[in-house]
């Protein structure tokens, strides 16, 4: 039996629940590919899962991680799209049997895509879940159009940083909220107007700048009261897209009064989305924002870094050096 190393979560709670173990190396089924993981990146769902938010969906011991960039080492007998040696990137199925904190991973060929040629593996690992979520929110569900306006909350974060770039590639006018320290960053990404959420009321700013017309689309990556306040800054018949669930009942009466459409999005995995992102990446219209790169065995420290907040872009775990 061939073995591989993986960061295994043995207990829900703090970051000390991870343990580097040797476990059986997976083998691809007929429709699967076996990927040597070169890099992975962290997402909020990682630490939410680790601390026990989704205990009903995750069985311990578990391997977390939902971003992969790597090289195909073996293919199942019915796989025709890929061959051994291909560089690929993708997001494993959320809450699947096994995640990306490991040396190897198997995945259905339908969710795997060729890696952008102009990115390193640590750079490519930033994209699948966060940029894929931005795509689902702005393109698939939000239907953002050329010349429209959009407010993107938390523009310096993982999803927000990609959403800004994607919105500009579409041809939209972009408002974003972030701390004042991140204004230069979001403007470099393409934001037209940055709002300091600590010292400014984004509702007042949007109403003033748009002459009370509001934006066409709003992307909520924060949750809480944000979803309840959002209708105040969206034009009648506009759209709101949220990637955060609502923990407590909230009144959406204002959204009803303005005939707003609200989408709650949990991103899905499919190759066409990653191929579309790859085309934009290879045309230099999308760039990764990397907060830090750590050896993958420092998964506990990486979780601490992301969970404490204040990151600029993605926290990356490098599995293969170089």
C-alpha atoms as a PDB file:
ATOM      1  CA  UNK A   1       0.000   0.000   0.000  1.00  0.00           C
ATOM      2  CA  UNK A   2       1.339   3.419  -1.000  1.00  0.00           C
ATOM      3  CA  UNK A   3       1.131   6.152   1.616  1.00  0.00           C
ATOM      4  CA  UNK A   4       0.974   9.933   1.585  1.00  0.00           C
ATOM      5  CA  UNK A   5       1.092  12.664   4.202  1.00  0.00           C
ATOM      6  CA  UNK A   6      -1.962  14.744   5.106  1.00  0.00           C
ATOM      7  CA  UNK A   7      -2.999  17.276   7.714  1.00  0.00           C
ATOM      8  CA  UNK A   8      -5.803  15.412   9.435  1.00  0.00           C
ATOM      9  CA  UNK A   9      -8.364  17.162  11.642  1.00  0.00           C
ATOM     10  CA  UNK A  10      -8.920  14.889  14.632  1.00  0.00           C
ATOM     11  CA  UNK A  11     -11.106  17.149  16.789  1.00  0.00           C
ATOM     12  CA  UNK A  12     -13.333  20.171  16.244  1.00  0.00           C
ATOM     13  CA  UNK A  13     -12.326  23.377  17.984  1.00  0.00           C
ATOM     14  CA  UNK A  14      -8.948  25.121  18.028  1.00  0.00           C
ATOM     15  CA  UNK A  15      -6.086  24.949  15.560  1.00  0.00           C
ATOM     16  CA  UNK A  16      -4.339  22.231  17.578  1.00  0.00           C
ATOM     17  CA  UNK A  17      -6.869  19.715  16.251  1.00  0.00           C
ATOM     18  CA  UNK A  18      -4.668  19.096  13.185  1.00  0.00           C
ATOM     19  CA  UNK A  19      -2.106  16.295  13.032  1.00  0.00           C
ATOM     20  CA  UNK A  20       0.256  15.422  10.167  1.00  0.00           C
ATOM     21  CA  UNK A  21      -0.298  11.736   9.468  1.00  0.00           C
ATOM     22  CA  UNK A  22       0.609   9.089   6.906  1.00  0.00           C
ATOM     23  CA  UNK A  23      -2.522   7.689   5.297  1.00  0.00           C
ATOM     24  CA  UNK A  24      -3.232   5.542   2.206  1.00  0.00           C
ATOM     25  CA  UNK A  25      -2.602   7.317  -1.084  1.00  0.00           C
ATOM     26  CA  UNK A  26      -5.876   7.477  -3.053  1.00  0.00           C
ATOM     27  CA  UNK A  27      -6.390   5.749  -6.396  1.00  0.00           C
ATOM     28  CA  UNK A  28      -8.481   7.273  -9.203  1.00  0.00           C
ATOM     29  CA  UNK A  29     -11.729   5.610 -10.231  1.00  0.00           C
ATOM     30  CA  UNK A  30     -12.620   5.411 -13.960  1.00  0.00           C
ATOM     31  CA  UNK A  31     -13.930   9.018 -14.115  1.00  0.00           C
ATOM     32  CA  UNK A  32     -11.347  10.533 -11.765  1.00  0.00           C
ATOM     33  CA  UNK A  33      -7.857  12.011 -11.874  1.00  0.00           C
ATOM     34  CA  UNK A  34      -5.138  11.679  -9.238  1.00  0.00           C
ATOM     35  CA  UNK A  35      -3.449  15.026  -8.612  1.00  0.00           C
ATOM     36  CA  UNK A  36      -0.149  15.706  -6.874  1.00  0.00           C
ATOM     37  CA  UNK A  37      -1.069  18.766  -4.849  1.00  0.00           C
ATOM     38  CA  UNK A  38       1.502  21.553  -5.237  1.00  0.00           C
ATOM     39  CA  UNK A  39      -0.398  24.300  -3.380  1.00  0.00           C
ATOM     40  CA  UNK A  40      -3.682  25.002  -1.655  1.00  0.00           C
ATOM     41  CA  UNK A  41      -5.175  28.121  -0.100  1.00  0.00           C
ATOM     42  CA  UNK A  42      -7.415  28.831   2.846  1.00  0.00           C
ATOM     43  CA  UNK A  43     -10.993  30.072   2.877  1.00  0.00           C
ATOM     44  CA  UNK A  44     -13.301  31.062   5.738  1.00  0.00           C
ATOM     45  CA  UNK A  45     -15.167  27.774   5.303  1.00  0.00           C
ATOM     46  CA  UNK A  46     -11.947  26.023   6.392  1.00  0.00           C
ATOM     47  CA  UNK A  47     -11.782  27.519   9.863  1.00  0.00           C
ATOM     48  CA  UNK A  48     -15.565  27.455  10.183  1.00  0.00           C
ATOM     49  CA  UNK A  49     -15.460  23.709   9.541  1.00  0.00           C
ATOM     50  CA  UNK A  50     -12.487  23.223  11.884  1.00  0.00           C
ATOM     51  CA  UNK A  51     -14.193  24.959  14.796  1.00  0.00           C
ATOM     52  CA  UNK A  52     -17.317  22.797  14.338  1.00  0.00           C
ATOM     53  CA  UNK A  53     -19.821  24.986  12.485  1.00  0.00           C
ATOM     54  CA  UNK A  54     -20.681  22.127  10.103  1.00  0.00           C
ATOM     55  CA  UNK A  55     -20.393  19.100  12.369  1.00  0.00           C
ATOM     56  CA  UNK A  56     -23.486  17.569  10.821  1.00  0.00           C
ATOM     57  CA  UNK A  57     -21.783  17.582   7.398  1.00  0.00           C
ATOM     58  CA  UNK A  58     -18.238  16.567   8.317  1.00  0.00           C
ATOM     59  CA  UNK A  59     -17.211  13.255   9.833  1.00  0.00           C
ATOM     60  CA  UNK A  60     -13.955  13.073  11.798  1.00  0.00           C
ATOM     61  CA  UNK A  61     -11.154  12.374  11.165  1.00  0.00           C
ATOM     62  CA  UNK A  62     -11.288  14.705   8.161  1.00  0.00           C
ATOM     63  CA  UNK A  63      -8.990  16.348   5.638  1.00  0.00           C
ATOM     64  CA  UNK A  64     -10.067  19.946   5.010  1.00  0.00           C
ATOM     65  CA  UNK A  65      -9.205  22.300   2.154  1.00  0.00           C
ATOM     66  CA  UNK A  66     -11.139  23.409  -0.943  1.00  0.00           C
ATOM     67  CA  UNK A  67      -8.500  24.850  -3.310  1.00  0.00           C
ATOM     68  CA  UNK A  68      -5.955  22.899  -5.343  1.00  0.00           C
ATOM     69  CA  UNK A  69      -3.291  23.602  -7.917  1.00  0.00           C
ATOM     70  CA  UNK A  70      -1.210  20.633  -8.937  1.00  0.00           C
ATOM     71  CA  UNK A  71      -0.111  18.106 -11.540  1.00  0.00           C
ATOM     72  CA  UNK A  72      -1.996  15.028 -12.709  1.00  0.00           C
ATOM     73  CA  UNK A  73      -0.147  11.857 -11.755  1.00  0.00           C
ATOM     74  CA  UNK A  74      -2.678   9.264 -12.921  1.00  0.00           C
ATOM     75  CA  UNK A  75      -6.023   9.157 -14.737  1.00  0.00           C
ATOM     76  CA  UNK A  76      -8.958   6.783 -14.597  1.00  0.00           C
ATOM     77  CA  UNK A  77      -9.628   4.562 -17.594  1.00  0.00           C
ATOM     78  CA  UNK A  78     -12.541   6.677 -18.912  1.00  0.00           C
ATOM     79  CA  UNK A  79     -10.794  10.046 -18.571  1.00  0.00           C
ATOM     80  CA  UNK A  80     -10.140  11.677 -21.949  1.00  0.00           C
ATOM     81  CA  UNK A  81      -9.845  15.391 -21.141  1.00  0.00           C
ATOM     82  CA  UNK A  82      -6.602  15.146 -19.186  1.00  0.00           C
ATOM     83  CA  UNK A  83      -3.344  13.234 -19.311  1.00  0.00           C
ATOM     84  CA  UNK A  84      -0.521  12.543 -16.903  1.00  0.00           C
ATOM     85  CA  UNK A  85       1.620  15.647 -16.452  1.00  0.00           C
ATOM     86  CA  UNK A  86      -1.143  18.193 -17.048  1.00  0.00           C
ATOM     87  CA  UNK A  87      -1.143  21.155 -14.673  1.00  0.00           C
ATOM     88  CA  UNK A  88      -4.610  21.693 -13.238  1.00  0.00           C
ATOM     89  CA  UNK A  89      -6.517  23.744 -10.706  1.00  0.00           C
ATOM     90  CA  UNK A  90      -9.915  23.206  -9.098  1.00  0.00           C
ATOM     91  CA  UNK A  91     -11.989  23.270  -5.946  1.00  0.00           C
ATOM     92  CA  UNK A  92     -12.854  19.921  -4.325  1.00  0.00           C
ATOM     93  CA  UNK A  93     -16.490  19.326  -3.524  1.00  0.00           C
ATOM     94  CA  UNK A  94     -17.455  21.154  -0.338  1.00  0.00           C
ATOM     95  CA  UNK A  95     -17.787  18.761   2.587  1.00  0.00           C
ATOM     96  CA  UNK A  96     -16.641  15.887   0.409  1.00  0.00           C
ATOM     97  CA  UNK A  97     -14.769  12.820   1.525  1.00  0.00           C
ATOM     98  CA  UNK A  98     -11.333  14.417   1.378  1.00  0.00           C
ATOM     99  CA  UNK A  99      -9.897  17.911   0.947  1.00  0.00           C
ATOM    100  CA  UNK A 100      -6.695  19.547  -0.226  1.00  0.00           C
ATOM    101  CA  UNK A 101      -4.495  19.544   2.912  1.00  0.00           C
ATOM    102  CA  UNK A 102      -2.610  16.535   1.584  1.00  0.00           C
ATOM    103  CA  UNK A 103       0.086  15.487  -0.845  1.00  0.00           C
ATOM    104  CA  UNK A 104      -2.421  13.878  -3.235  1.00  0.00           C
ATOM    105  CA  UNK A 105      -6.089  14.292  -4.091  1.00  0.00           C
ATOM    106  CA  UNK A 106      -8.545  12.506  -6.377  1.00  0.00           C
ATOM    107  CA  UNK A 107     -11.351  14.367  -8.119  1.00  0.00           C
ATOM    108  CA  UNK A 108     -14.010  13.815 -10.739  1.00  0.00           C
ATOM    109  CA  UNK A 109     -12.723  15.080 -14.090  1.00  0.00           C
ATOM    110  CA  UNK A 110     -15.836  17.274 -14.467  1.00  0.00           C
ATOM    111  CA  UNK A 111     -14.694  19.717 -11.763  1.00  0.00           C
ATOM    112  CA  UNK A 112     -11.041  19.933 -12.870  1.00  0.00           C
ATOM    113  CA  UNK A 113      -9.640  22.523 -15.304  1.00  0.00           C
ATOM    114  CA  UNK A 114      -6.296  23.272 -16.900  1.00  0.00           C
ATOM    115  CA  UNK A 115      -4.246  25.717 -14.820  1.00  0.00           C
ATOM    116  CA  UNK A 116      -3.592  29.195 -16.262  1.00  0.00           C
ATOM    117  CA  UNK A 117      -0.181  29.030 -17.907  1.00  0.00           C
ATOM    118  CA  UNK A 118       0.940  32.413 -16.557  1.00  0.00           C
ATOM    119  CA  UNK A 119       0.490  31.490 -12.875  1.00  0.00           C
ATOM    120  CA  UNK A 120       2.633  29.537 -10.444  1.00  0.00           C
ATOM    121  CA  UNK A 121       0.926  26.865  -8.389  1.00  0.00           C
ATOM    122  CA  UNK A 122       0.700  29.060  -5.250  1.00  0.00           C
ATOM    123  CA  UNK A 123      -0.877  31.799  -7.373  1.00  0.00           C
ATOM    124  CA  UNK A 124      -3.304  29.439  -9.104  1.00  0.00           C
ATOM    125  CA  UNK A 125      -4.377  27.916  -5.787  1.00  0.00           C
ATOM    126  CA  UNK A 126      -5.846  31.290  -4.811  1.00  0.00           C
ATOM    127  CA  UNK A 127      -8.532  31.166  -7.475  1.00  0.00           C
ATOM    128  CA  UNK A 128     -10.851  28.134  -7.553  1.00  0.00           C
ATOM    129  CA  UNK A 129     -13.213  28.717  -4.616  1.00  0.00           C
ATOM    130  CA  UNK A 130     -12.922  32.490  -4.064  1.00  0.00           C
ATOM    131  CA  UNK A 131     -12.826  33.577  -7.706  1.00  0.00           C
ATOM    132  CA  UNK A 132     -15.338  30.874  -8.577  1.00  0.00           C
ATOM    133  CA  UNK A 133     -17.664  32.275  -5.931  1.00  0.00           C
ATOM    134  CA  UNK A 134     -17.211  35.786  -7.326  1.00  0.00           C
ATOM    135  CA  UNK A 135     -18.089  34.420 -10.773  1.00  0.00           C
ATOM    136  CA  UNK A 136     -21.234  32.692  -9.523  1.00  0.00           C
ATOM    137  CA  UNK A 137     -22.310  35.860  -7.687  1.00  0.00           C
ATOM    138  CA  UNK A 138     -21.623  38.481 -10.343  1.00  0.00           C
ATOM    139  CA  UNK A 139     -22.067  36.548 -13.591  1.00  0.00           C
ATOM    140  CA  UNK A 140     -24.228  33.470 -13.078  1.00  0.00           C
ATOM    141  CA  UNK A 141     -26.656  34.855 -10.490  1.00  0.00           C
ATOM    142  CA  UNK A 142     -26.098  38.621 -10.411  1.00  0.00           C
ATOM    143  CA  UNK A 143     -26.124  39.004 -14.217  1.00  0.00           C
ATOM    144  CA  UNK A 144     -23.883  42.079 -13.985  1.00  0.00           C
ATOM    145  CA  UNK A 145     -23.861  44.037 -17.251  1.00  0.00           C
ATOM    146  CA  UNK A 146     -21.564  46.546 -18.951  1.00  0.00           C
ATOM    147  CA  UNK A 147     -22.209  50.040 -17.593  1.00  0.00           C
ATOM    148  CA  UNK A 148     -23.972  48.915 -14.418  1.00  0.00           C
ATOM    149  CA  UNK A 149     -22.831  49.750 -10.883  1.00  0.00           C
ATOM    150  CA  UNK A 150     -22.040  47.308  -8.100  1.00  0.00           C
ATOM    151  CA  UNK A 151     -21.225  47.568  -4.399  1.00  0.00           C
ATOM    152  CA  UNK A 152     -18.845  44.843  -3.229  1.00  0.00           C
ATOM    153  CA  UNK A 153     -18.475  44.472   0.513  1.00  0.00           C
ATOM    154  CA  UNK A 154     -15.046  43.577   1.968  1.00  0.00           C
ATOM    155  CA  UNK A 155     -13.161  44.298  -1.233  1.00  0.00           C
ATOM    156  CA  UNK A 156      -9.758  43.408   0.246  1.00  0.00           C
ATOM    157  CA  UNK A 157     -10.835  39.872   1.177  1.00  0.00           C
ATOM    158  CA  UNK A 158     -10.559  36.674  -0.826  1.00  0.00           C
ATOM    159  CA  UNK A 159     -13.884  36.817  -2.683  1.00  0.00           C
ATOM    160  CA  UNK A 160     -14.023  40.625  -2.697  1.00  0.00           C
ATOM    161  CA  UNK A 161     -10.610  41.098  -4.304  1.00  0.00           C
ATOM    162  CA  UNK A 162     -11.577  38.834  -7.196  1.00  0.00           C
ATOM    163  CA  UNK A 163     -15.066  40.328  -7.463  1.00  0.00           C
ATOM    164  CA  UNK A 164     -13.629  43.817  -7.963  1.00  0.00           C
ATOM    165  CA  UNK A 165     -11.409  42.634 -10.807  1.00  0.00           C
ATOM    166  CA  UNK A 166     -14.185  40.600 -12.398  1.00  0.00           C
ATOM    167  CA  UNK A 167     -16.646  43.501 -12.218  1.00  0.00           C
ATOM    168  CA  UNK A 168     -14.135  45.784 -13.942  1.00  0.00           C
ATOM    169  CA  UNK A 169     -13.494  43.152 -16.621  1.00  0.00           C
ATOM    170  CA  UNK A 170     -17.247  43.114 -17.250  1.00  0.00           C
ATOM    171  CA  UNK A 171     -17.276  46.909 -17.534  1.00  0.00           C
ATOM    172  CA  UNK A 172     -19.083  47.947 -14.352  1.00  0.00           C
ATOM    173  CA  UNK A 173     -18.563  50.900 -11.994  1.00  0.00           C
ATOM    174  CA  UNK A 174     -17.324  49.468  -8.700  1.00  0.00           C
ATOM    175  CA  UNK A 175     -17.951  50.681  -5.170  1.00  0.00           C
ATOM    176  CA  UNK A 176     -16.350  48.689  -2.362  1.00  0.00           C
ATOM    177  CA  UNK A 177     -16.102  48.772   1.420  1.00  0.00           C
ATOM    178  CA  UNK A 178     -12.844  48.096   3.244  1.00  0.00           C
ATOM    179  CA  UNK A 179     -10.611  49.647   5.889  1.00  0.00           C
ATOM    180  CA  UNK A 180      -8.801  52.856   4.965  1.00  0.00           C
ATOM    181  CA  UNK A 181      -5.496  50.939   5.045  1.00  0.00           C
ATOM    182  CA  UNK A 182      -6.714  48.862   2.099  1.00  0.00           C
ATOM    183  CA  UNK A 183      -7.933  51.730  -0.109  1.00  0.00           C
ATOM    184  CA  UNK A 184      -4.790  51.708  -2.240  1.00  0.00           C
ATOM    185  CA  UNK A 185      -5.056  47.949  -2.714  1.00  0.00           C
ATOM    186  CA  UNK A 186      -8.698  47.921  -3.861  1.00  0.00           C
ATOM    187  CA  UNK A 187      -8.097  50.851  -6.200  1.00  0.00           C
ATOM    188  CA  UNK A 188      -5.170  48.978  -7.745  1.00  0.00           C
ATOM    189  CA  UNK A 189      -7.559  46.075  -8.295  1.00  0.00           C
ATOM    190  CA  UNK A 190      -9.921  48.415 -10.150  1.00  0.00           C
ATOM    191  CA  UNK A 191     -12.364  49.808  -7.592  1.00  0.00           C
ATOM    192  CA  UNK A 192     -13.700  53.203  -8.653  1.00  0.00           C
ATOM    193  CA  UNK A 193     -14.817  54.286  -5.170  1.00  0.00           C
ATOM    194  CA  UNK A 194     -13.568  52.912  -1.826  1.00  0.00           C
ATOM    195  CA  UNK A 195     -15.587  53.415   1.358  1.00  0.00           C
ATOM    196  CA  UNK A 196     -13.951  53.161   4.791  1.00  0.00           C
ATOM    197  CA  UNK A 197     -16.437  51.031   6.725  1.00  0.00           C
ATOM    198  CA  UNK A 198     -14.919  52.147  10.030  1.00  0.00           C
ATOM    199  CA  UNK A 199     -15.427  55.875   9.588  1.00  0.00           C
ATOM    200  CA  UNK A 200     -18.056  56.178   6.854  1.00  0.00           C
ATOM    201  CA  UNK A 201     -21.670  55.102   6.512  1.00  0.00           C
ATOM    202  CA  UNK A 202     -21.756  53.239   3.224  1.00  0.00           C
ATOM    203  CA  UNK A 203     -25.505  53.790   2.912  1.00  0.00           C
ATOM    204  CA  UNK A 204     -25.049  57.558   3.085  1.00  0.00           C
ATOM    205  CA  UNK A 205     -22.086  57.481   0.698  1.00  0.00           C
ATOM    206  CA  UNK A 206     -23.870  55.420  -1.968  1.00  0.00           C
ATOM    207  CA  UNK A 207     -27.023  57.528  -1.770  1.00  0.00           C
ATOM    208  CA  UNK A 208     -24.995  60.741  -2.067  1.00  0.00           C
ATOM    209  CA  UNK A 209     -22.710  59.620  -4.882  1.00  0.00           C
ATOM    210  CA  UNK A 210     -25.516  58.060  -6.938  1.00  0.00           C
ATOM    211  CA  UNK A 211     -27.972  60.931  -6.254  1.00  0.00           C
ATOM    212  CA  UNK A 212     -30.230  58.519  -4.369  1.00  0.00           C
ATOM    213  CA  UNK A 213     -30.503  56.193  -7.376  1.00  0.00           C
ATOM    214  CA  UNK A 214     -28.593  53.321  -5.746  1.00  0.00           C
ATOM    215  CA  UNK A 215     -26.481  50.593  -7.330  1.00  0.00           C
ATOM    216  CA  UNK A 216     -27.700  47.951  -9.738  1.00  0.00           C
ATOM    217  CA  UNK A 217     -26.143  45.045  -7.846  1.00  0.00           C
ATOM    218  CA  UNK A 218     -24.802  44.473  -4.334  1.00  0.00           C
ATOM    219  CA  UNK A 219     -22.511  41.620  -3.284  1.00  0.00           C
ATOM    220  CA  UNK A 220     -22.725  40.826   0.436  1.00  0.00           C
ATOM    221  CA  UNK A 221     -19.754  38.891   1.812  1.00  0.00           C
ATOM    222  CA  UNK A 222     -20.290  39.962   5.429  1.00  0.00           C
ATOM    223  CA  UNK A 223     -23.724  38.844   6.600  1.00  0.00           C
ATOM    224  CA  UNK A 224     -25.393  39.949   9.812  1.00  0.00           C
ATOM    225  CA  UNK A 225     -27.188  43.269   9.502  1.00  0.00           C
ATOM    226  CA  UNK A 226     -25.628  43.907   6.103  1.00  0.00           C
ATOM    227  CA  UNK A 227     -28.340  41.978   4.281  1.00  0.00           C
ATOM    228  CA  UNK A 228     -31.020  44.002   6.075  1.00  0.00           C
ATOM    229  CA  UNK A 229     -29.366  47.337   5.248  1.00  0.00           C
ATOM    230  CA  UNK A 230     -28.545  46.447   1.661  1.00  0.00           C
ATOM    231  CA  UNK A 231     -31.938  47.331   0.135  1.00  0.00           C
ATOM    232  CA  UNK A 232     -31.319  50.951   1.136  1.00  0.00           C
ATOM    233  CA  UNK A 233     -28.527  51.264  -1.454  1.00  0.00           C
ATOM    234  CA  UNK A 234     -29.939  49.162  -4.310  1.00  0.00           C
ATOM    235  CA  UNK A 235     -32.107  50.727  -6.987  1.00  0.00           C
ATOM    236  CA  UNK A 236     -35.691  49.541  -7.524  1.00  0.00           C
ATOM    237  CA  UNK A 237     -35.724  46.233  -9.410  1.00  0.00           C
ATOM    238  CA  UNK A 238     -32.032  45.795  -8.575  1.00  0.00           C
ATOM    239  CA  UNK A 239     -30.293  42.660  -7.284  1.00  0.00           C
ATOM    240  CA  UNK A 240     -28.616  41.535  -4.076  1.00  0.00           C
ATOM    241  CA  UNK A 241     -26.334  38.507  -3.929  1.00  0.00           C
ATOM    242  CA  UNK A 242     -25.172  37.135  -0.562  1.00  0.00           C
ATOM    243  CA  UNK A 243     -22.746  34.323   0.211  1.00  0.00           C
ATOM    244  CA  UNK A 244     -23.485  34.460   3.958  1.00  0.00           C
ATOM    245  CA  UNK A 245     -26.373  32.702   5.645  1.00  0.00           C
ATOM    246  CA  UNK A 246     -28.742  34.538   7.981  1.00  0.00           C
ATOM    247  CA  UNK A 247     -28.447  33.243  11.544  1.00  0.00           C
ATOM    248  CA  UNK A 248     -31.365  35.268  12.925  1.00  0.00           C
ATOM    249  CA  UNK A 249     -34.682  36.346  11.367  1.00  0.00           C
ATOM    250  CA  UNK A 250     -34.519  39.704   9.603  1.00  0.00           C
ATOM    251  CA  UNK A 251     -37.040  41.999   7.977  1.00  0.00           C
ATOM    252  CA  UNK A 252     -36.695  42.232   4.213  1.00  0.00           C
ATOM    253  CA  UNK A 253     -39.749  44.460   3.839  1.00  0.00           C
ATOM    254  CA  UNK A 254     -37.757  47.199   2.099  1.00  0.00           C
ATOM    255  CA  UNK A 255     -36.469  44.719  -0.448  1.00  0.00           C
ATOM    256  CA  UNK A 256     -40.048  43.656  -1.150  1.00  0.00           C
ATOM    257  CA  UNK A 257     -41.178  47.275  -1.495  1.00  0.00           C
ATOM    258  CA  UNK A 258     -38.470  47.942  -4.110  1.00  0.00           C
ATOM    259  CA  UNK A 259     -39.072  44.732  -6.086  1.00  0.00           C
ATOM    260  CA  UNK A 260     -35.529  43.530  -5.446  1.00  0.00           C
ATOM    261  CA  UNK A 261     -34.220  40.120  -6.376  1.00  0.00           C
ATOM    262  CA  UNK A 262     -32.133  38.439  -3.655  1.00  0.00           C
ATOM    263  CA  UNK A 263     -29.877  35.476  -4.377  1.00  0.00           C
ATOM    264  CA  UNK A 264     -28.283  33.385  -1.632  1.00  0.00           C
ATOM    265  CA  UNK A 265     -25.309  31.622  -3.179  1.00  0.00           C
ATOM    266  CA  UNK A 266     -23.285  28.598  -2.196  1.00  0.00           C
ATOM    267  CA  UNK A 267     -20.870  28.060  -5.031  1.00  0.00           C
ATOM    268  CA  UNK A 268     -20.854  24.854  -7.046  1.00  0.00           C
ATOM    269  CA  UNK A 269     -17.944  23.133  -8.737  1.00  0.00           C
ATOM    270  CA  UNK A 270     -17.783  22.833 -12.531  1.00  0.00           C
ATOM    271  CA  UNK A 271     -15.070  23.136 -15.174  1.00  0.00           C
ATOM    272  CA  UNK A 272     -16.670  25.769 -17.432  1.00  0.00           C
ATOM    273  CA  UNK A 273     -16.413  28.412 -14.726  1.00  0.00           C
ATOM    274  CA  UNK A 274     -12.717  27.733 -14.181  1.00  0.00           C
ATOM    275  CA  UNK A 275     -12.100  27.789 -17.935  1.00  0.00           C
ATOM    276  CA  UNK A 276     -13.766  31.213 -18.155  1.00  0.00           C
ATOM    277  CA  UNK A 277     -11.626  32.486 -15.297  1.00  0.00           C
ATOM    278  CA  UNK A 278      -8.508  31.043 -16.953  1.00  0.00           C
ATOM    279  CA  UNK A 279      -9.173  33.041 -20.121  1.00  0.00           C
ATOM    280  CA  UNK A 280      -9.370  36.265 -18.081  1.00  0.00           C
ATOM    281  CA  UNK A 281      -6.274  35.337 -16.072  1.00  0.00           C
ATOM    282  CA  UNK A 282      -4.220  34.598 -19.175  1.00  0.00           C
ATOM    283  CA  UNK A 283      -5.290  37.990 -20.584  1.00  0.00           C
ATOM    284  CA  UNK A 284      -4.007  39.578 -17.352  1.00  0.00           C
ATOM    285  CA  UNK A 285      -7.469  40.786 -16.339  1.00  0.00           C
ATOM    286  CA  UNK A 286      -7.476  38.803 -13.086  1.00  0.00           C
ATOM    287  CA  UNK A 287      -4.562  38.646 -10.656  1.00  0.00           C
ATOM    288  CA  UNK A 288      -4.137  36.830  -7.338  1.00  0.00           C
ATOM    289  CA  UNK A 289      -3.788  38.839  -4.148  1.00  0.00           C
ATOM    290  CA  UNK A 290      -1.598  36.854  -1.760  1.00  0.00           C
ATOM    291  CA  UNK A 291      -1.420  37.712   1.919  1.00  0.00           C
ATOM    292  CA  UNK A 292       1.167  35.068   2.819  1.00  0.00           C
ATOM    293  CA  UNK A 293       2.634  31.731   1.722  1.00  0.00           C
ATOM    294  CA  UNK A 294       3.454  29.068   4.323  1.00  0.00           C
ATOM    295  CA  UNK A 295       4.640  25.450   4.226  1.00  0.00           C
ATOM    296  CA  UNK A 296       1.575  23.226   4.272  1.00  0.00           C
ATOM    297  CA  UNK A 297       2.671  21.609   7.530  1.00  0.00           C
ATOM    298  CA  UNK A 298       2.050  24.993   9.204  1.00  0.00           C
ATOM    299  CA  UNK A 299      -1.676  24.616   8.669  1.00  0.00           C
ATOM    300  CA  UNK A 300      -2.424  25.604  12.287  1.00  0.00           C
ATOM    301  CA  UNK A 301      -0.564  28.913  11.929  1.00  0.00           C
ATOM    302  CA  UNK A 302      -2.293  29.538   8.594  1.00  0.00           C
ATOM    303  CA  UNK A 303      -5.699  29.061  10.224  1.00  0.00           C
ATOM    304  CA  UNK A 304      -4.730  31.508  12.951  1.00  0.00           C
ATOM    305  CA  UNK A 305      -3.644  34.043  10.348  1.00  0.00           C
ATOM    306  CA  UNK A 306      -6.916  33.891   8.418  1.00  0.00           C
ATOM    307  CA  UNK A 307      -9.219  33.640  11.407  1.00  0.00           C
ATOM    308  CA  UNK A 308      -7.777  36.669  13.188  1.00  0.00           C
ATOM    309  CA  UNK A 309      -8.903  38.877  10.279  1.00  0.00           C
ATOM    310  CA  UNK A 310      -7.160  41.718   8.527  1.00  0.00           C
ATOM    311  CA  UNK A 311      -5.691  39.606   5.727  1.00  0.00           C
ATOM    312  CA  UNK A 312      -5.143  41.116   2.307  1.00  0.00           C
ATOM    313  CA  UNK A 313      -6.127  38.447  -0.173  1.00  0.00           C
ATOM    314  CA  UNK A 314      -5.366  34.772   0.261  1.00  0.00           C
ATOM    315  CA  UNK A 315      -3.334  32.712   2.724  1.00  0.00           C
ATOM    316  CA  UNK A 316      -1.556  29.984   0.735  1.00  0.00           C
ATOM    317  CA  UNK A 317      -0.122  26.640   1.822  1.00  0.00           C
ATOM    318  CA  UNK A 318       2.707  25.360  -0.374  1.00  0.00           C
ATOM    319  CA  UNK A 319       2.884  21.571  -0.568  1.00  0.00           C
ATOM    320  CA  UNK A 320       5.662  21.197  -3.149  1.00  0.00           C
ATOM    321  CA  UNK A 321       8.546  23.654  -3.145  1.00  0.00           C
ATOM    322  CA  UNK A 322       9.488  25.467  -6.332  1.00  0.00           C
END
